Protein backbone atom coordinates (compact mmCIF):
# COMPACT_ATOMS: atom_id res chain seq x y z
CA MET A 1 19.42 18.67 -22.54
CA PRO A 2 18.45 18.17 -18.88
CA LEU A 3 16.51 15.08 -17.94
CA GLN A 4 12.77 15.29 -17.45
CA HIS A 5 11.20 12.85 -15.01
CA PHE A 6 7.61 11.76 -15.59
CA GLY A 7 5.52 9.98 -12.96
CA ILE A 8 2.48 8.07 -14.16
CA ASP A 9 -0.48 7.02 -12.03
CA ILE A 10 -2.37 4.43 -14.03
CA ASP A 11 -5.73 2.68 -14.07
CA LYS A 12 -7.74 0.76 -16.63
CA ALA A 13 -9.10 3.88 -18.29
CA ALA A 14 -6.30 6.43 -18.32
CA LEU A 15 -2.81 7.55 -17.35
CA THR A 16 -2.36 10.59 -15.14
CA VAL A 17 1.05 12.07 -15.97
CA ALA A 18 3.10 14.58 -13.96
CA CYS A 19 6.53 16.00 -14.73
CA HIS A 20 8.83 16.70 -11.79
CA GLU A 21 10.47 19.61 -13.62
CA VAL A 22 7.07 21.26 -14.30
CA PRO A 23 5.44 21.43 -10.84
CA GLY A 24 1.67 21.46 -10.56
CA ARG A 25 0.83 20.45 -14.12
CA THR A 26 -0.59 17.06 -15.07
CA GLU A 27 -2.25 15.57 -18.13
CA ARG A 28 -4.51 12.63 -18.86
CA VAL A 29 -3.83 10.03 -21.54
CA SER A 30 -6.17 7.20 -22.49
CA ASN A 31 -4.86 3.81 -21.49
CA ASP A 32 -4.74 2.23 -24.93
CA ALA A 33 -1.77 1.43 -27.17
CA ALA A 34 -2.51 4.10 -29.81
CA SER A 35 -2.95 6.97 -27.32
CA ILE A 36 0.10 5.93 -25.30
CA ASP A 37 2.20 5.65 -28.45
CA ALA A 38 1.16 9.13 -29.58
CA TRP A 39 2.00 10.58 -26.15
CA LEU A 40 5.40 8.87 -26.04
CA ARG A 41 6.30 10.34 -29.44
CA ARG A 42 5.70 13.84 -28.04
CA LEU A 43 8.07 13.40 -25.11
CA PRO A 44 11.51 15.03 -25.12
CA ALA A 45 14.39 12.74 -26.01
CA HIS A 46 15.86 12.94 -22.48
CA SER A 47 12.83 11.64 -20.61
CA VAL A 48 12.67 9.18 -17.72
CA LEU A 49 9.38 7.45 -16.87
CA ALA A 50 8.15 5.69 -13.75
CA VAL A 51 4.93 3.84 -12.96
CA GLU A 52 3.69 1.67 -10.12
CA ALA A 53 3.10 -2.03 -10.71
CA THR A 54 -0.68 -2.37 -10.95
CA GLY A 55 -1.64 -5.80 -12.21
CA ALA A 56 -1.97 -5.66 -16.00
CA CYS A 57 -2.89 -1.98 -16.36
CA HIS A 58 0.70 -0.86 -16.93
CA GLN A 59 1.63 -3.39 -19.61
CA ALA A 60 0.78 -1.21 -22.62
CA LEU A 61 2.88 1.63 -21.19
CA LEU A 62 5.86 -0.66 -20.54
CA GLN A 63 5.73 -2.09 -24.05
CA GLY A 64 5.44 1.38 -25.57
CA ALA A 65 8.38 2.76 -23.60
CA VAL A 66 10.53 -0.19 -24.70
CA ARG A 67 9.58 0.36 -28.34
CA HIS A 68 10.55 4.04 -28.09
CA ASP A 69 13.75 3.21 -26.18
CA LEU A 70 12.73 5.35 -23.22
CA PRO A 71 13.99 4.37 -19.75
CA ILE A 72 11.09 3.36 -17.54
CA TYR A 73 11.07 2.17 -13.92
CA LEU A 74 8.44 -0.19 -12.52
CA LEU A 75 8.00 0.77 -8.88
CA ASN A 76 6.83 -1.13 -5.85
CA PRO A 77 3.57 0.55 -4.69
CA ARG A 78 4.56 0.06 -1.05
CA ASP A 79 7.78 2.03 -1.56
CA VAL A 80 5.89 4.88 -3.21
CA ARG A 81 3.29 4.92 -0.42
CA HIS A 82 5.95 5.16 2.30
CA TYR A 83 7.70 7.88 0.29
CA ALA A 84 4.46 9.86 0.08
CA GLU A 85 3.96 9.49 3.83
CA SER A 86 7.48 10.83 4.42
CA LEU A 87 6.50 13.92 2.41
CA ARG A 88 3.42 14.37 4.62
CA ARG A 89 1.03 14.35 1.70
CA ARG A 90 -2.42 14.72 3.19
CA THR A 91 -4.41 13.84 0.09
CA LYS A 92 -4.40 10.87 -2.22
CA THR A 93 -5.61 11.54 -5.74
CA ASP A 94 -4.40 10.41 -9.14
CA ARG A 95 -2.84 13.81 -9.65
CA VAL A 96 -0.98 13.79 -6.33
CA ASP A 97 0.15 10.20 -6.81
CA ALA A 98 1.61 11.03 -10.24
CA GLN A 99 3.52 13.96 -8.74
CA VAL A 100 4.89 11.77 -5.93
CA ILE A 101 6.02 9.13 -8.43
CA ALA A 102 7.74 11.78 -10.55
CA ARG A 103 9.57 13.16 -7.51
CA TYR A 104 10.49 9.68 -6.35
CA VAL A 105 12.12 8.66 -9.64
CA ALA A 106 13.88 12.02 -9.97
CA HIS A 107 15.59 11.60 -6.60
CA GLU A 108 15.95 7.82 -6.32
CA LYS A 109 16.59 6.50 -9.83
CA GLY A 110 20.25 5.88 -8.94
CA ASN A 111 19.05 3.16 -6.54
CA LEU A 112 16.49 1.68 -8.94
CA ARG A 113 16.77 -0.87 -11.73
CA ARG A 114 15.49 0.10 -15.15
CA TYR A 115 12.75 -2.11 -16.52
CA LEU A 116 13.99 -4.51 -19.19
CA PRO A 117 11.54 -6.80 -20.98
CA ALA A 118 11.87 -10.53 -20.43
CA PRO A 119 11.99 -12.97 -23.37
CA ALA A 120 8.53 -13.73 -24.74
CA SER A 121 8.49 -17.32 -23.47
CA ALA A 122 9.72 -16.25 -20.03
CA ALA A 123 7.00 -13.60 -19.82
CA ARG A 124 4.40 -16.18 -20.87
CA LEU A 125 5.63 -18.61 -18.20
CA GLU A 126 5.39 -15.94 -15.51
CA GLN A 127 1.89 -14.99 -16.67
CA LEU A 128 0.66 -18.59 -16.57
CA LEU A 129 2.15 -19.10 -13.12
CA ARG A 130 0.37 -16.00 -11.84
CA ARG A 131 -2.93 -17.16 -13.34
CA ARG A 132 -2.49 -20.57 -11.76
CA ALA A 133 -1.76 -19.04 -8.35
CA LEU A 134 -4.92 -16.92 -8.62
CA LEU A 135 -7.06 -19.93 -9.50
CA ALA A 136 -5.58 -22.05 -6.70
CA GLN A 137 -6.12 -19.26 -4.16
CA THR A 138 -9.73 -18.75 -5.29
CA GLN A 139 -10.39 -22.48 -5.09
CA ALA A 140 -9.01 -22.62 -1.54
CA GLN A 141 -11.17 -19.66 -0.48
CA LEU A 142 -14.26 -21.34 -1.92
CA ARG A 143 -13.50 -24.59 -0.10
CA LEU A 144 -13.15 -22.77 3.22
CA GLY A 145 -15.94 -20.25 2.79
CA CYS A 146 -18.53 -22.56 1.23
CA SER A 147 -17.76 -25.85 2.96
CA ASP A 148 -21.27 -25.92 4.49
CA LEU A 149 -23.04 -25.68 1.12
CA ALA A 150 -24.06 -29.22 0.21
CA LEU A 151 -25.03 -28.41 -3.37
CA PRO A 152 -24.29 -30.42 -6.53
CA ALA A 153 -23.32 -27.16 -8.22
CA MET A 154 -20.44 -26.73 -5.74
CA ASP A 155 -19.10 -30.17 -6.64
CA HIS A 156 -19.21 -29.21 -10.31
CA LEU A 157 -17.46 -25.94 -9.50
CA HIS A 158 -14.62 -27.67 -7.64
CA ALA A 159 -14.30 -30.21 -10.46
CA SER A 160 -14.10 -27.35 -12.94
CA PHE A 161 -11.32 -25.71 -10.92
CA LYS A 162 -9.44 -29.01 -10.77
CA ALA A 163 -9.73 -29.52 -14.53
CA THR A 164 -8.65 -25.94 -15.24
CA LEU A 165 -5.60 -26.26 -13.01
CA ALA A 166 -4.68 -29.55 -14.68
CA ALA A 167 -4.95 -27.92 -18.12
CA LEU A 168 -2.76 -25.04 -16.95
CA ASP A 169 -0.17 -27.49 -15.63
CA GLU A 170 -0.06 -29.13 -19.05
CA GLN A 171 0.53 -25.74 -20.69
CA LEU A 172 3.29 -24.94 -18.22
CA ASP A 173 5.00 -28.28 -18.77
CA ALA A 174 4.79 -27.91 -22.54
CA LEU A 175 6.14 -24.35 -22.46
CA VAL A 176 9.24 -25.33 -20.50
CA ALA A 177 9.74 -28.53 -22.52
CA GLN A 178 10.01 -26.44 -25.71
CA ASP A 179 13.24 -24.88 -24.44
CA GLU A 180 16.01 -27.44 -23.93
CA GLN A 181 17.99 -25.27 -21.51
CA ARG A 182 14.96 -24.56 -19.29
CA ALA A 183 13.90 -28.20 -19.34
CA ARG A 184 17.40 -29.18 -18.18
CA GLN A 185 17.34 -26.54 -15.46
CA ARG A 186 14.02 -27.84 -14.22
CA GLU A 187 15.42 -31.35 -13.89
CA GLN A 188 18.41 -29.98 -11.98
CA LEU A 189 16.11 -28.16 -9.60
CA ARG A 190 13.88 -31.21 -9.16
CA SER A 191 16.91 -33.08 -7.80
CA ILE A 192 16.75 -30.92 -4.64
CA PRO A 193 14.66 -32.67 -1.95
CA GLY A 194 11.41 -30.79 -1.44
CA VAL A 195 11.42 -29.03 -4.82
CA GLY A 196 8.46 -30.38 -6.76
CA PRO A 197 6.93 -29.73 -10.19
CA LEU A 198 5.36 -26.36 -9.38
CA ASN A 199 8.24 -25.03 -7.29
CA SER A 200 10.74 -25.95 -10.00
CA LEU A 201 8.65 -24.04 -12.56
CA ALA A 202 8.63 -20.94 -10.35
CA LEU A 203 12.41 -21.10 -9.95
CA VAL A 204 12.95 -21.68 -13.67
CA SER A 205 10.84 -18.59 -14.32
CA LEU A 206 13.02 -16.52 -11.97
CA PHE A 207 16.31 -17.69 -13.51
CA TRP A 208 14.90 -17.17 -17.00
CA ARG A 209 13.89 -13.57 -16.30
CA LEU A 210 16.94 -12.76 -14.13
CA PRO A 211 19.86 -14.67 -15.66
CA SER A 212 22.59 -12.67 -13.90
CA ILE A 213 21.05 -12.59 -10.42
CA THR A 214 23.27 -13.54 -7.47
CA ALA A 215 22.31 -15.95 -4.71
CA ASP A 216 21.82 -13.12 -2.21
CA GLY A 217 19.87 -11.18 -4.83
CA LEU A 218 17.63 -14.19 -5.42
CA ILE A 219 16.84 -14.48 -1.72
CA ALA A 220 16.05 -10.76 -1.51
CA PHE A 221 13.99 -10.86 -4.71
CA VAL A 222 11.78 -13.61 -3.28
CA GLY A 223 11.52 -11.78 0.07
CA PHE A 224 13.29 -14.22 2.40
CA ASP A 225 16.03 -11.72 3.35
CA PRO A 226 16.09 -10.84 7.09
CA ARG A 227 15.38 -7.30 8.28
CA PRO A 228 17.12 -6.44 11.59
CA ARG A 229 15.48 -4.04 14.05
CA GLU A 230 18.25 -2.59 16.21
CA SER A 231 18.85 0.73 17.90
CA GLY A 232 21.46 1.29 20.64
CA ASN A 233 21.10 -1.57 23.08
CA TYR A 234 17.73 -2.56 21.65
CA ARG A 235 17.65 -5.78 19.64
CA GLY A 236 14.23 -6.35 18.12
CA GLN A 237 12.89 -9.46 16.50
CA ARG A 238 14.18 -10.05 12.98
CA ARG A 239 11.60 -10.56 10.29
CA ILE A 240 11.84 -11.33 6.60
CA SER A 241 11.21 -8.48 4.18
CA LYS A 242 8.38 -10.20 2.21
CA ARG A 243 9.09 -7.88 -0.69
CA GLY A 244 8.93 -10.43 -3.49
CA ASP A 245 6.13 -12.42 -5.08
CA ALA A 246 4.01 -13.97 -2.34
CA GLU A 247 3.28 -17.14 -4.32
CA THR A 248 6.96 -17.86 -4.97
CA ARG A 249 7.67 -17.29 -1.28
CA ARG A 250 4.80 -19.62 -0.31
CA LEU A 251 6.15 -22.35 -2.58
CA GLY A 252 9.61 -21.87 -1.11
CA TYR A 253 8.26 -22.27 2.41
CA LEU A 254 6.40 -25.45 1.45
CA ALA A 255 9.59 -26.77 -0.17
CA ALA A 256 11.44 -26.10 3.10
CA GLN A 257 8.83 -28.09 5.04
CA ALA A 258 9.22 -31.02 2.65
CA PHE A 259 13.02 -30.69 2.82
CA ALA A 260 12.87 -30.88 6.63
CA ARG A 261 11.05 -34.23 6.40
CA HIS A 262 13.61 -35.69 3.99
CA PRO A 263 16.52 -37.77 5.42
CA VAL A 264 18.98 -35.24 3.97
CA GLY A 265 17.35 -32.20 5.53
CA ARG A 266 16.05 -33.62 8.80
CA PRO A 267 19.40 -33.47 10.67
CA LEU A 268 19.80 -29.83 9.72
CA TYR A 269 16.25 -29.04 10.82
CA ASP A 270 16.81 -30.77 14.17
CA ARG A 271 20.08 -28.90 14.67
CA TYR A 272 18.42 -25.50 14.28
CA ARG A 273 15.53 -26.50 16.52
CA GLN A 274 17.95 -27.61 19.25
CA ARG A 275 19.47 -24.12 19.15
CA GLY A 276 16.11 -22.74 20.25
CA LEU A 277 14.81 -21.51 16.90
CA SER A 278 11.11 -21.79 16.23
CA ALA A 279 9.79 -24.08 13.52
CA THR A 280 8.85 -21.06 11.38
CA ALA A 281 12.30 -19.51 11.67
CA THR A 282 13.90 -22.85 10.82
CA TYR A 283 11.75 -23.30 7.73
CA VAL A 284 12.72 -19.81 6.55
CA ILE A 285 16.40 -20.67 6.98
CA LEU A 286 15.90 -23.89 5.03
CA ALA A 287 14.04 -22.00 2.31
CA ARG A 288 17.05 -19.70 1.95
CA LYS A 289 19.34 -22.73 1.75
CA ILE A 290 17.18 -24.22 -0.99
CA LEU A 291 17.44 -20.98 -2.98
CA ARG A 292 21.22 -20.98 -2.57
CA LEU A 293 21.30 -24.60 -3.67
CA ALA A 294 19.15 -23.79 -6.68
CA HIS A 295 21.44 -20.92 -7.66
CA ALA A 296 24.54 -23.11 -7.30
CA LEU A 297 23.07 -25.95 -9.38
CA ILE A 298 21.98 -23.62 -12.18
CA SER A 299 25.31 -21.75 -12.15
CA GLN A 300 27.39 -24.94 -12.19
CA GLY A 301 25.09 -27.02 -14.38
CA THR A 302 24.98 -29.91 -11.90
CA THR A 303 22.41 -31.83 -9.86
CA PHE A 304 22.03 -32.11 -6.10
CA ASP A 305 24.67 -34.24 -4.35
CA PRO A 306 23.42 -35.43 -0.91
CA GLN A 307 26.90 -36.41 0.33
CA ARG A 308 28.42 -33.08 -0.63
CA PHE A 309 25.54 -31.22 0.98
CA ALA A 310 25.84 -33.22 4.22
CA ALA A 311 29.58 -32.54 4.37
CA ALA A 312 29.06 -28.81 3.78
CA CYS A 313 26.40 -28.64 6.52
CA ALA A 314 28.43 -30.59 9.07
CA GLY A 315 29.75 -27.41 10.63
CA THR A 316 26.61 -25.32 10.18
């Protein structure tokens, strides 16, 4: 039987479903496990699904598709938006978005990676890290936006944030400590100058969810891969793609800054700066080096060797 490609635009209340092979027709399905399960059972055996990543709204659909052994693709909303713009779609509704997603997966699934569920503990670690990042970001916004409010309630609020973050850190530490392999990986990563407790957790989460990822793939997944802008004789400024998780990328940048202050990393930082690179560009390069180091340590099961690193960087 021929494949049927279904695009799903999703929100908290419902799924709007379009089939690429049946133009113009859509249906609505309640966004709850029972309704999704009933809809999935009605689908033809040769069905391919695609949905945009939308916070937690798509989780029930992903879990249902995995249970029914249906291939499903979790799409980057930015990619779908650019694709819709290339089609010159002049409207944006749930119905149109579902049709665009269905067309996108029908034509591009050869370049996409099918969603595969992570182990339960790895998924829990990722979820806790995301919650912690949200709390830390909210706390920072409150400190900046409400710094002029001299109220006792604000002090209690900041103390509450601090206590909540500390409790989350304890949960994160305990979760990784329960798995001997992940605990060992974390210690290996902590041996890299600049990689601290939180950064090591983020990297452990990546290696746990993506065990077969390459070093280049890791850099691209985080969003530190360079994007050239060239045409004919024109050579534009290179920028990083920023396609990965922003919090992981932020932690990597902070790790690079700490690495540049360490006696092992300082000579390398100075060398790049003497070549005329900006501080930002140099930190990005160092962040990529840290990711390559992390991949090598996890692959080889070793810890960071300063002498070996210095010798390898002598000709860099």
